[in-house]
Amino acid sequence: MSRQFRKIDAIVLFGILLTLLMVVTFVLESHAHRGAHRLQCSSNMRQVALALVQYMNTTRRLPPQRIFSDGLERHGQDRAVSRSWQDLRWL
């Protein structure tokens, strides 16, 4: 008793393979997107660090933590906040 390969069998097999291909493509695309986002974030952090180092080399001090609405820096008004920049030097 030989079983013949019918058209419906081919259609079902094709549908299963197509579904599997779509799932694999979605997973790979999602993984690539997360990797690209992680790379962009790392690049942004590197640029911020380089800007901080450049500012420190130019002015010989750390940048102000905040500039008030009148455009002035007020040193020594908030010791707890101004101390946090000092902590960054040891990272």
PDB file of N, CA and C in Angstrom:
ATOM      1  N   MET A   1       0.815  -1.169   0.000  1.00  0.00           N
ATOM      2  CA  MET A   1       0.000   0.000   0.000  1.00  0.00           C
ATOM      3  C   MET A   1       0.873   1.252   0.000  1.00  0.00           C
ATOM      4  N   SER A   2       1.018   1.854  -1.119  1.00  0.00           N
ATOM      5  CA  SER A   2       1.834   3.057  -1.197  1.00  0.00           C
ATOM      6  C   SER A   2       0.946   4.291  -1.081  1.00  0.00           C
ATOM      7  N   ARG A   3       1.429   5.220  -0.325  1.00  0.00           N
ATOM      8  CA  ARG A   3       0.669   6.444  -0.120  1.00  0.00           C
ATOM      9  C   ARG A   3       1.192   7.492  -1.091  1.00  0.00           C
ATOM     10  N   GLN A   4       0.345   8.143  -1.796  1.00  0.00           N
ATOM     11  CA  GLN A   4       0.746   9.139  -2.762  1.00  0.00           C
ATOM     12  C   GLN A   4       0.814  10.517  -2.101  1.00  0.00           C
ATOM     13  N   PHE A   5       1.696  11.308  -2.629  1.00  0.00           N
ATOM     14  CA  PHE A   5       1.864  12.672  -2.145  1.00  0.00           C
ATOM     15  C   PHE A   5       0.840  13.536  -2.873  1.00  0.00           C
ATOM     16  N   ARG A   6      -0.148  14.017  -2.121  1.00  0.00           N
ATOM     17  CA  ARG A   6      -1.230  14.763  -2.744  1.00  0.00           C
ATOM     18  C   ARG A   6      -0.949  16.261  -2.726  1.00  0.00           C
ATOM     19  N   LYS A   7      -1.756  17.000  -3.474  1.00  0.00           N
ATOM     20  CA  LYS A   7      -1.600  18.448  -3.534  1.00  0.00           C
ATOM     21  C   LYS A   7      -1.847  19.083  -2.166  1.00  0.00           C
ATOM     22  N   ILE A   8      -2.800  18.595  -1.439  1.00  0.00           N
ATOM     23  CA  ILE A   8      -3.102  19.163  -0.127  1.00  0.00           C
ATOM     24  C   ILE A   8      -1.935  18.976   0.832  1.00  0.00           C
ATOM     25  N   ASP A   9      -1.224  17.871   0.718  1.00  0.00           N
ATOM     26  CA  ASP A   9      -0.035  17.656   1.544  1.00  0.00           C
ATOM     27  C   ASP A   9       1.042  18.691   1.224  1.00  0.00           C
ATOM     28  N   ALA A  10       1.217  18.979  -0.036  1.00  0.00           N
ATOM     29  CA  ALA A  10       2.209  19.964  -0.448  1.00  0.00           C
ATOM     30  C   ALA A  10       1.827  21.361   0.050  1.00  0.00           C
ATOM     31  N   ILE A  11       0.536  21.688  -0.017  1.00  0.00           N
ATOM     32  CA  ILE A  11       0.080  23.004   0.436  1.00  0.00           C
ATOM     33  C   ILE A  11       0.277  23.153   1.941  1.00  0.00           C
ATOM     34  N   VAL A  12      -0.047  22.103   2.699  1.00  0.00           N
ATOM     35  CA  VAL A  12       0.132  22.145   4.154  1.00  0.00           C
ATOM     36  C   VAL A  12       1.611  22.266   4.504  1.00  0.00           C
ATOM     37  N   LEU A  13       2.449  21.496   3.847  1.00  0.00           N
ATOM     38  CA  LEU A  13       3.891  21.564   4.096  1.00  0.00           C
ATOM     39  C   LEU A  13       4.440  22.947   3.762  1.00  0.00           C
ATOM     40  N   PHE A  14       4.002  23.507   2.645  1.00  0.00           N
ATOM     41  CA  PHE A  14       4.439  24.836   2.255  1.00  0.00           C
ATOM     42  C   PHE A  14       3.995  25.874   3.287  1.00  0.00           C
ATOM     43  N   GLY A  15       2.793  25.765   3.788  1.00  0.00           N
ATOM     44  CA  GLY A  15       2.281  26.686   4.799  1.00  0.00           C
ATOM     45  C   GLY A  15       3.076  26.604   6.099  1.00  0.00           C
ATOM     46  N   ILE A  16       3.409  25.407   6.522  1.00  0.00           N
ATOM     47  CA  ILE A  16       4.194  25.217   7.744  1.00  0.00           C
ATOM     48  C   ILE A  16       5.582  25.822   7.577  1.00  0.00           C
ATOM     49  N   LEU A  17       6.216  25.557   6.446  1.00  0.00           N
ATOM     50  CA  LEU A  17       7.555  26.099   6.203  1.00  0.00           C
ATOM     51  C   LEU A  17       7.530  27.625   6.105  1.00  0.00           C
ATOM     52  N   LEU A  18       6.509  28.175   5.486  1.00  0.00           N
ATOM     53  CA  LEU A  18       6.397  29.626   5.373  1.00  0.00           C
ATOM     54  C   LEU A  18       6.207  30.264   6.749  1.00  0.00           C
ATOM     55  N   THR A  19       5.384  29.658   7.585  1.00  0.00           N
ATOM     56  CA  THR A  19       5.174  30.167   8.942  1.00  0.00           C
ATOM     57  C   THR A  19       6.472  30.114   9.746  1.00  0.00           C
ATOM     58  N   LEU A  20       7.183  29.020   9.648  1.00  0.00           N
ATOM     59  CA  LEU A  20       8.459  28.878  10.351  1.00  0.00           C
ATOM     60  C   LEU A  20       9.462  29.918   9.868  1.00  0.00           C
ATOM     61  N   LEU A  21       9.520  30.161   8.585  1.00  0.00           N
ATOM     62  CA  LEU A  21      10.425  31.166   8.029  1.00  0.00           C
ATOM     63  C   LEU A  21      10.072  32.563   8.530  1.00  0.00           C
ATOM     64  N   MET A  22       8.794  32.874   8.618  1.00  0.00           N
ATOM     65  CA  MET A  22       8.372  34.188   9.105  1.00  0.00           C
ATOM     66  C   MET A  22       8.757  34.382  10.571  1.00  0.00           C
ATOM     67  N   VAL A  23       8.600  33.354  11.385  1.00  0.00           N
ATOM     68  CA  VAL A  23       8.948  33.457  12.802  1.00  0.00           C
ATOM     69  C   VAL A  23      10.452  33.654  12.968  1.00  0.00           C
ATOM     70  N   VAL A  24      11.243  32.897  12.243  1.00  0.00           N
ATOM     71  CA  VAL A  24      12.700  33.023  12.332  1.00  0.00           C
ATOM     72  C   VAL A  24      13.149  34.406  11.858  1.00  0.00           C
ATOM     73  N   THR A  25      12.561  34.906  10.793  1.00  0.00           N
ATOM     74  CA  THR A  25      12.907  36.232  10.290  1.00  0.00           C
ATOM     75  C   THR A  25      12.569  37.307  11.318  1.00  0.00           C
ATOM     76  N   PHE A  26      11.409  37.193  11.965  1.00  0.00           N
ATOM     77  CA  PHE A  26      11.016  38.166  12.979  1.00  0.00           C
ATOM     78  C   PHE A  26      11.986  38.164  14.152  1.00  0.00           C
ATOM     79  N   VAL A  27      12.387  36.983  14.595  1.00  0.00           N
ATOM     80  CA  VAL A  27      13.311  36.887  15.732  1.00  0.00           C
ATOM     81  C   VAL A  27      14.667  37.494  15.385  1.00  0.00           C
ATOM     82  N   LEU A  28      15.181  37.189  14.214  1.00  0.00           N
ATOM     83  CA  LEU A  28      16.479  37.723  13.812  1.00  0.00           C
ATOM     84  C   LEU A  28      16.427  39.245  13.635  1.00  0.00           C
ATOM     85  N   GLU A  29      15.335  39.751  13.076  1.00  0.00           N
ATOM     86  CA  GLU A  29      15.205  41.191  12.894  1.00  0.00           C
ATOM     87  C   GLU A  29      15.107  41.899  14.247  1.00  0.00           C
ATOM     88  N   SER A  30      14.385  41.319  15.177  1.00  0.00           N
ATOM     89  CA  SER A  30      14.246  41.902  16.509  1.00  0.00           C
ATOM     90  C   SER A  30      15.592  41.925  17.229  1.00  0.00           C
ATOM     91  N   HIS A  31      16.346  40.855  17.110  1.00  0.00           N
ATOM     92  CA  HIS A  31      17.659  40.783  17.749  1.00  0.00           C
ATOM     93  C   HIS A  31      18.607  41.821  17.150  1.00  0.00           C
ATOM     94  N   ALA A  32      18.568  41.984  15.850  1.00  0.00           N
ATOM     95  CA  ALA A  32      19.434  42.974  15.194  1.00  0.00           C
ATOM     96  C   ALA A  32      19.049  44.391  15.620  1.00  0.00           C
ATOM     97  N   HIS A  33      17.755  44.642  15.783  1.00  0.00           N
ATOM     98  CA  HIS A  33      17.300  45.968  16.200  1.00  0.00           C
ATOM     99  C   HIS A  33      17.782  46.287  17.609  1.00  0.00           C
ATOM    100  N   ARG A  34      17.704  45.318  18.517  1.00  0.00           N
ATOM    101  CA  ARG A  34      18.178  45.540  19.886  1.00  0.00           C
ATOM    102  C   ARG A  34      19.678  45.788  19.895  1.00  0.00           C
ATOM    103  N   GLY A  35      20.419  45.063  19.080  1.00  0.00           N
ATOM    104  CA  GLY A  35      21.863  45.268  19.005  1.00  0.00           C
ATOM    105  C   GLY A  35      22.216  46.656  18.483  1.00  0.00           C
ATOM    106  N   ALA A  36      21.480  47.122  17.488  1.00  0.00           N
ATOM    107  CA  ALA A  36      21.726  48.456  16.944  1.00  0.00           C
ATOM    108  C   ALA A  36      21.400  49.533  17.982  1.00  0.00           C
ATOM    109  N   HIS A  37      20.329  49.326  18.740  1.00  0.00           N
ATOM    110  CA  HIS A  37      19.971  50.282  19.785  1.00  0.00           C
ATOM    111  C   HIS A  37      21.043  50.320  20.874  1.00  0.00           C
ATOM    112  N   ARG A  38      21.545  49.172  21.260  1.00  0.00           N
ATOM    113  CA  ARG A  38      22.601  49.103  22.276  1.00  0.00           C
ATOM    114  C   ARG A  38      23.868  49.806  21.785  1.00  0.00           C
ATOM    115  N   LEU A  39      24.214  49.617  20.530  1.00  0.00           N
ATOM    116  CA  LEU A  39      25.399  50.260  19.960  1.00  0.00           C
ATOM    117  C   LEU A  39      25.236  51.783  19.921  1.00  0.00           C
ATOM    118  N   GLN A  40      24.049  52.256  19.551  1.00  0.00           N
ATOM    119  CA  GLN A  40      23.795  53.693  19.525  1.00  0.00           C
ATOM    120  C   GLN A  40      23.892  54.286  20.923  1.00  0.00           C
ATOM    121  N   CYS A  41      23.352  53.592  21.918  1.00  0.00           N
ATOM    122  CA  CYS A  41      23.406  54.074  23.295  1.00  0.00           C
ATOM    123  C   CYS A  41      24.857  54.146  23.777  1.00  0.00           C
ATOM    124  N   SER A  42      25.650  53.134  23.479  1.00  0.00           N
ATOM    125  CA  SER A  42      27.061  53.139  23.868  1.00  0.00           C
ATOM    126  C   SER A  42      27.811  54.283  23.205  1.00  0.00           C
ATOM    127  N   SER A  43      27.494  54.531  21.958  1.00  0.00           N
ATOM    128  CA  SER A  43      28.138  55.626  21.241  1.00  0.00           C
ATOM    129  C   SER A  43      27.777  56.975  21.863  1.00  0.00           C
ATOM    130  N   ASN A  44      26.505  57.134  22.249  1.00  0.00           N
ATOM    131  CA  ASN A  44      26.088  58.385  22.882  1.00  0.00           C
ATOM    132  C   ASN A  44      26.800  58.591  24.214  1.00  0.00           C
ATOM    133  N   MET A  45      26.913  57.535  25.007  1.00  0.00           N
ATOM    134  CA  MET A  45      27.595  57.648  26.295  1.00  0.00           C
ATOM    135  C   MET A  45      29.066  58.002  26.101  1.00  0.00           C
ATOM    136  N   ARG A  46      29.681  57.436  25.086  1.00  0.00           N
ATOM    137  CA  ARG A  46      31.087  57.739  24.790  1.00  0.00           C
ATOM    138  C   ARG A  46      31.244  59.214  24.415  1.00  0.00           C
ATOM    139  N   GLN A  47      30.321  59.739  23.615  1.00  0.00           N
ATOM    140  CA  GLN A  47      30.382  61.140  23.222  1.00  0.00           C
ATOM    141  C   GLN A  47      30.229  62.068  24.435  1.00  0.00           C
ATOM    142  N   VAL A  48      29.351  61.706  25.356  1.00  0.00           N
ATOM    143  CA  VAL A  48      29.182  62.510  26.569  1.00  0.00           C
ATOM    144  C   VAL A  48      30.466  62.493  27.394  1.00  0.00           C
ATOM    145  N   ALA A  49      31.082  61.326  27.528  1.00  0.00           N
ATOM    146  CA  ALA A  49      32.329  61.216  28.293  1.00  0.00           C
ATOM    147  C   ALA A  49      33.450  62.022  27.640  1.00  0.00           C
ATOM    148  N   LEU A  50      33.549  61.961  26.318  1.00  0.00           N
ATOM    149  CA  LEU A  50      34.574  62.735  25.617  1.00  0.00           C
ATOM    150  C   LEU A  50      34.344  64.242  25.769  1.00  0.00           C
ATOM    151  N   ALA A  51      33.086  64.662  25.739  1.00  0.00           N
ATOM    152  CA  ALA A  51      32.785  66.086  25.930  1.00  0.00           C
ATOM    153  C   ALA A  51      33.157  66.527  27.342  1.00  0.00           C
ATOM    154  N   LEU A  52      32.898  65.677  28.331  1.00  0.00           N
ATOM    155  CA  LEU A  52      33.251  65.999  29.711  1.00  0.00           C
ATOM    156  C   LEU A  52      34.767  66.130  29.872  1.00  0.00           C
ATOM    157  N   VAL A  53      35.509  65.219  29.292  1.00  0.00           N
ATOM    158  CA  VAL A  53      36.970  65.273  29.371  1.00  0.00           C
ATOM    159  C   VAL A  53      37.499  66.514  28.659  1.00  0.00           C
ATOM    160  N   GLN A  54      36.946  66.833  27.494  1.00  0.00           N
ATOM    161  CA  GLN A  54      37.372  68.023  26.753  1.00  0.00           C
ATOM    162  C   GLN A  54      37.101  69.288  27.562  1.00  0.00           C
ATOM    163  N   TYR A  55      35.956  69.373  28.196  1.00  0.00           N
ATOM    164  CA  TYR A  55      35.627  70.538  29.015  1.00  0.00           C
ATOM    165  C   TYR A  55      36.600  70.650  30.180  1.00  0.00           C
ATOM    166  N   MET A  56      36.885  69.524  30.830  1.00  0.00           N
ATOM    167  CA  MET A  56      37.806  69.543  31.968  1.00  0.00           C
ATOM    168  C   MET A  56      39.204  69.952  31.535  1.00  0.00           C
ATOM    169  N   ASN A  57      39.659  69.480  30.383  1.00  0.00           N
ATOM    170  CA  ASN A  57      40.990  69.851  29.899  1.00  0.00           C
ATOM    171  C   ASN A  57      41.062  71.327  29.525  1.00  0.00           C
ATOM    172  N   THR A  58      39.983  71.882  29.023  1.00  0.00           N
ATOM    173  CA  THR A  58      39.969  73.277  28.597  1.00  0.00           C
ATOM    174  C   THR A  58      39.863  74.235  29.780  1.00  0.00           C
ATOM    175  N   THR A  59      38.972  73.944  30.718  1.00  0.00           N
ATOM    176  CA  THR A  59      38.683  74.892  31.796  1.00  0.00           C
ATOM    177  C   THR A  59      39.360  74.536  33.111  1.00  0.00           C
ATOM    178  N   ARG A  60      39.961  73.379  33.195  1.00  0.00           N
ATOM    179  CA  ARG A  60      40.626  72.902  34.413  1.00  0.00           C
ATOM    180  C   ARG A  60      39.660  72.731  35.593  1.00  0.00           C
ATOM    181  N   ARG A  61      38.399  72.530  35.296  1.00  0.00           N
ATOM    182  CA  ARG A  61      37.422  72.241  36.341  1.00  0.00           C
ATOM    183  C   ARG A  61      36.274  71.453  35.724  1.00  0.00           C
ATOM    184  N   LEU A  62      35.471  70.884  36.594  1.00  0.00           N
ATOM    185  CA  LEU A  62      34.311  70.134  36.120  1.00  0.00           C
ATOM    186  C   LEU A  62      33.220  71.095  35.669  1.00  0.00           C
ATOM    187  N   PRO A  63      32.388  70.692  34.724  1.00  0.00           N
ATOM    188  CA  PRO A  63      31.329  71.589  34.255  1.00  0.00           C
ATOM    189  C   PRO A  63      30.289  71.822  35.349  1.00  0.00           C
ATOM    190  N   PRO A  64      29.570  72.929  35.264  1.00  0.00           N
ATOM    191  CA  PRO A  64      28.533  73.189  36.267  1.00  0.00           C
ATOM    192  C   PRO A  64      27.436  72.131  36.171  1.00  0.00           C
ATOM    193  N   GLN A  65      26.885  71.810  37.323  1.00  0.00           N
ATOM    194  CA  GLN A  65      25.827  70.810  37.303  1.00  0.00           C
ATOM    195  C   GLN A  65      24.513  71.378  36.846  1.00  0.00           C
ATOM    196  N   ARG A  66      24.313  72.634  37.085  1.00  0.00           N
ATOM    197  CA  ARG A  66      23.097  73.278  36.605  1.00  0.00           C
ATOM    198  C   ARG A  66      23.392  74.743  36.340  1.00  0.00           C
ATOM    199  N   ILE A  67      22.695  75.264  35.385  1.00  0.00           N
ATOM    200  CA  ILE A  67      22.757  76.690  35.088  1.00  0.00           C
ATOM    201  C   ILE A  67      21.345  77.208  35.290  1.00  0.00           C
ATOM    202  N   PHE A  68      21.210  78.227  36.093  1.00  0.00           N
ATOM    203  CA  PHE A  68      19.893  78.712  36.461  1.00  0.00           C
ATOM    204  C   PHE A  68      19.274  79.531  35.336  1.00  0.00           C
ATOM    205  N   SER A  69      18.011  79.865  35.485  1.00  0.00           N
ATOM    206  CA  SER A  69      17.276  80.525  34.410  1.00  0.00           C
ATOM    207  C   SER A  69      17.871  81.881  34.037  1.00  0.00           C
ATOM    208  N   ASP A  70      18.601  82.504  34.946  1.00  0.00           N
ATOM    209  CA  ASP A  70      19.237  83.777  34.606  1.00  0.00           C
ATOM    210  C   ASP A  70      20.586  83.581  33.909  1.00  0.00           C
ATOM    211  N   GLY A  71      20.961  82.312  33.669  1.00  0.00           N
ATOM    212  CA  GLY A  71      22.186  82.021  32.936  1.00  0.00           C
ATOM    213  C   GLY A  71      23.433  81.984  33.790  1.00  0.00           C
ATOM    214  N   LEU A  72      23.309  82.138  35.088  1.00  0.00           N
ATOM    215  CA  LEU A  72      24.470  82.175  35.970  1.00  0.00           C
ATOM    216  C   LEU A  72      24.677  80.835  36.661  1.00  0.00           C
ATOM    217  N   GLU A  73      25.929  80.522  36.911  1.00  0.00           N
ATOM    218  CA  GLU A  73      26.273  79.358  37.724  1.00  0.00           C
ATOM    219  C   GLU A  73      26.364  79.837  39.168  1.00  0.00           C
ATOM    220  N   ARG A  74      25.821  79.088  40.074  1.00  0.00           N
ATOM    221  CA  ARG A  74      25.916  79.449  41.486  1.00  0.00           C
ATOM    222  C   ARG A  74      26.671  78.337  42.193  1.00  0.00           C
ATOM    223  N   HIS A  75      27.912  78.586  42.490  1.00  0.00           N
ATOM    224  CA  HIS A  75      28.761  77.583  43.130  1.00  0.00           C
ATOM    225  C   HIS A  75      28.524  77.562  44.629  1.00  0.00           C
ATOM    226  N   GLY A  76      28.538  76.373  45.201  1.00  0.00           N
ATOM    227  CA  GLY A  76      28.491  76.230  46.645  1.00  0.00           C
ATOM    228  C   GLY A  76      27.115  76.342  47.257  1.00  0.00           C
ATOM    229  N   GLN A  77      26.080  76.447  46.465  1.00  0.00           N
ATOM    230  CA  GLN A  77      24.748  76.562  47.061  1.00  0.00           C
ATOM    231  C   GLN A  77      24.155  75.216  47.404  1.00  0.00           C
ATOM    232  N   ASP A  78      24.563  74.194  46.709  1.00  0.00           N
ATOM    233  CA  ASP A  78      24.011  72.869  46.978  1.00  0.00           C
ATOM    234  C   ASP A  78      25.174  71.890  47.070  1.00  0.00           C
ATOM    235  N   ARG A  79      25.712  71.710  48.242  1.00  0.00           N
ATOM    236  CA  ARG A  79      26.903  70.876  48.433  1.00  0.00           C
ATOM    237  C   ARG A  79      26.654  69.421  48.052  1.00  0.00           C
ATOM    238  N   ALA A  80      25.485  68.899  48.347  1.00  0.00           N
ATOM    239  CA  ALA A  80      25.199  67.501  48.042  1.00  0.00           C
ATOM    240  C   ALA A  80      25.228  67.256  46.536  1.00  0.00           C
ATOM    241  N   VAL A  81      24.712  68.200  45.758  1.00  0.00           N
ATOM    242  CA  VAL A  81      24.705  68.054  44.307  1.00  0.00           C
ATOM    243  C   VAL A  81      26.097  68.266  43.746  1.00  0.00           C
ATOM    244  N   SER A  82      26.796  69.280  44.223  1.00  0.00           N
ATOM    245  CA  SER A  82      28.110  69.577  43.660  1.00  0.00           C
ATOM    246  C   SER A  82      29.128  68.494  43.995  1.00  0.00           C
ATOM    247  N   ARG A  83      28.884  67.721  45.038  1.00  0.00           N
ATOM    248  CA  ARG A  83      29.794  66.641  45.386  1.00  0.00           C
ATOM    249  C   ARG A  83      29.682  65.471  44.399  1.00  0.00           C
ATOM    250  N   SER A  84      28.538  65.309  43.726  1.00  0.00           N
ATOM    251  CA  SER A  84      28.350  64.156  42.844  1.00  0.00           C
ATOM    252  C   SER A  84      29.301  64.178  41.653  1.00  0.00           C
ATOM    253  N   TRP A  85      29.688  65.373  41.156  1.00  0.00           N
ATOM    254  CA  TRP A  85      30.675  65.415  40.090  1.00  0.00           C
ATOM    255  C   TRP A  85      32.019  64.866  40.564  1.00  0.00           C
ATOM    256  N   GLN A  86      32.346  65.109  41.800  1.00  0.00           N
ATOM    257  CA  GLN A  86      33.601  64.593  42.344  1.00  0.00           C
ATOM    258  C   GLN A  86      33.597  63.066  42.321  1.00  0.00           C
ATOM    259  N   ASP A  87      32.452  62.473  42.559  1.00  0.00           N
ATOM    260  CA  ASP A  87      32.351  61.024  42.538  1.00  0.00           C
ATOM    261  C   ASP A  87      32.612  60.464  41.152  1.00  0.00           C
ATOM    262  N   LEU A  88      32.275  61.205  40.096  1.00  0.00           N
ATOM    263  CA  LEU A  88      32.473  60.724  38.735  1.00  0.00           C
ATOM    264  C   LEU A  88      33.947  60.581  38.379  1.00  0.00           C
ATOM    265  N   ARG A  89      34.816  61.355  38.997  1.00  0.00           N
ATOM    266  CA  ARG A  89      36.240  61.282  38.648  1.00  0.00           C
ATOM    267  C   ARG A  89      36.833  59.933  38.985  1.00  0.00           C
ATOM    268  N   TRP A  90      36.281  59.219  39.931  1.00  0.00           N
ATOM    269  CA  TRP A  90      36.859  57.941  40.368  1.00  0.00           C
ATOM    270  C   TRP A  90      36.272  56.752  39.642  1.00  0.00           C
ATOM    271  N   LEU A  91      35.359  56.957  38.714  1.00  0.00           N
ATOM    272  CA  LEU A  91      34.764  55.842  37.970  1.00  0.00           C
ATOM    273  C   LEU A  91      35.732  55.269  36.965  1.00  0.00           C
TER     274      LEU A  91
END
